[in-house]
Amino acid sequence: MVAAGNELNSPLGRVLMVQGTASHVGKSVLVSALCRILRQDGLRVAPFKAQNMSNNSYVTPDGAEIGRAQAVQAEAAGVEARVEMNPVLLKPEADSHAQVVLMGRPWASARARDYFEMKSTLWESVAKSLDTLRREHDVVVIEGAGSPAEINLKATEIVNMRVALHADAPVLLCGDIDRGGVFASLVGTLQLLDDAERAAVKGLLINKFRGDVSLLTDGLTWLEDYTGKPVVGVVHHYRDIHIPEEDSVALDITPPASTAQAVLDVAVVQVPHISNFDDFDPLAREPGVNLRYVQHGDRLGSPDLVILPGSKTTIPDLLWMERQGLSQAVASAHERGSAIVGICGGYQMLGNTLYDPDGIESTIGQADGLGLLPLSTTFAGSKETHRVQATVRPEASAGGGLLSGAAGESGGGYEIHMGRTVGEGFVPAFAVNDRADAPVTSETALDGALDASGRVMGTYIHGLFHNAGVRRAMLGELARRKGVSLPDGVDVARDREYDRLADWVRGSLRMDMVYEMTGINPEP
């Protein structure tokens, strides 16, 4: 395998960047696809995004927090996720306020206006992280954020054209045809770039196309003639390829569809600052489950299972639930027999009281919880971010509760939380066997809680439902209680899904042109 111009053992590896005309045009998934394609072609590849804004995060083996999208892209590339892949993570706490996670650790809590003053410091970490990855890989596939043509942000941005120019990266500019106006979006974006930025764009890419691509021929010819940029590909809208989405806007645009085989109704409370919503992707793929997201109390009904998800701002989201009529609706559903599960922030909401005396998550110092578990939570101390391995405790599987028959089932997950939760009169749900970056102590050996009935459960473990044994045991118990038969589950092998995605995208791209842009000749 020979690089055009330089040998692959040069100090810095090659780069390829995907930017978009707007948010949610498909950049993250395209980067995942390109990472897998390059890996299939024998290259050592890594993903990179300088700055990510998302409450959907992930914990690396050493306990650092990065955007979930970069963890997915790393998995597609066949490498372990690491903090250099996403040196700056912004976790929204309010409309104009966010926690700044720098190199995997909470660094500041800033308003949007204050954040601009931090950019010079943040850029040092961005540039160093990218250069580190390039020294260790043949190719780094870089993801931009939003649009590079945001005039009010261009002077201080650290994620789009500044990165491209720093790395001399060829840029693929992606537009979403499913939204309409793709030609105007691509042309308008190019016209708002300066000469150096425009020159960095080496090709155009149209994403999420539906129908007969021959109907686009005249438009593509015009686009190439007008812009002087080649169209590298038209990627069809994919179906039945299960790749985690980056942010919660996907829940509003493409809510999970019900299935004809569904025998269980599972409702997730979609709080405003929902985090790690991909926790529930495995439930959406279960043929026996109708998974839906609920934002109003009158839409909850009496599902078999109510899930309270993670939240970046637990107390404000809990008060939002009260205003939306959801707090009462959850309590009423529980009285009618619905099981309740809380993950992380949702676990904290299930308790009696939440305290935030130091204003760590919000300016609200105290709030009443839903009172479904005999617990209280105090937000204090440092953020806990750990990979964990845990096992269902025998005591938690007794008595016909949610974990009935699941004793000994084990699996992995991760913790991301600020609160410390304590109480008495409940059954701890899980025994923590391993924390990747920290010893298991007497204080951390147990996780979660079940109430006396076993129908209410909380846990700090994100990724719980990705463990097939635990997931199927819980669903089986819900089905048994309801008197229905649960269809056989289908475990999705994510590695196979990345191959399917790569095949789908490869068939739509002029990969010879992509390789020419990166300066690499793949092995035949």
Foldseek 3Di string as FASTA:
>chain_A
DAFFPDGLLPQFAFEAEEEELFPPLCQLLVLLLVLLLVVVLPWQEAEAFAEEEALAWAAFLQQFIFFPSRCLSCVSNVHGDALLRYQWYWQDLDPFWTFIRGSRFGDDIDGNVVVLVCLVVSLVSNLVSNSVVRSVTNYYYYYAHTACLPVVCNVRDRGPQVVCVSNVHQYEYEYEPVVPPRLVSVVVSLVSDDPVSNVSHQAYEYEADDDDCVVCVVVQVVSCVVSVHHHFFYFHRDPPQDRDDRHDVCCVVPNQAAAPQAPFEEEEEDFPFFYNPCLCVQQSQFNHYDYHYDDALVPPPQTQEYEYGDGLQLVVSQVSCVVRVNLVSVVVSVVVPHFYEYEASGLQLQEAKEAECPQPSHPDGIDGHSHNDDKYKYQDDGWGKWKWKKFFDPVLQPQLALNPPRGGQIDIFIATHRIDMDGDQWDFTIATDDTSNDDQDPSRRTFWTAHPNNRYIYGRGRNQCLRPSSVVSSVVSSCVVVVHDRDDTDRDDNNVSSVVSNVSVVVGGPVVSVCVSRSDDRDD
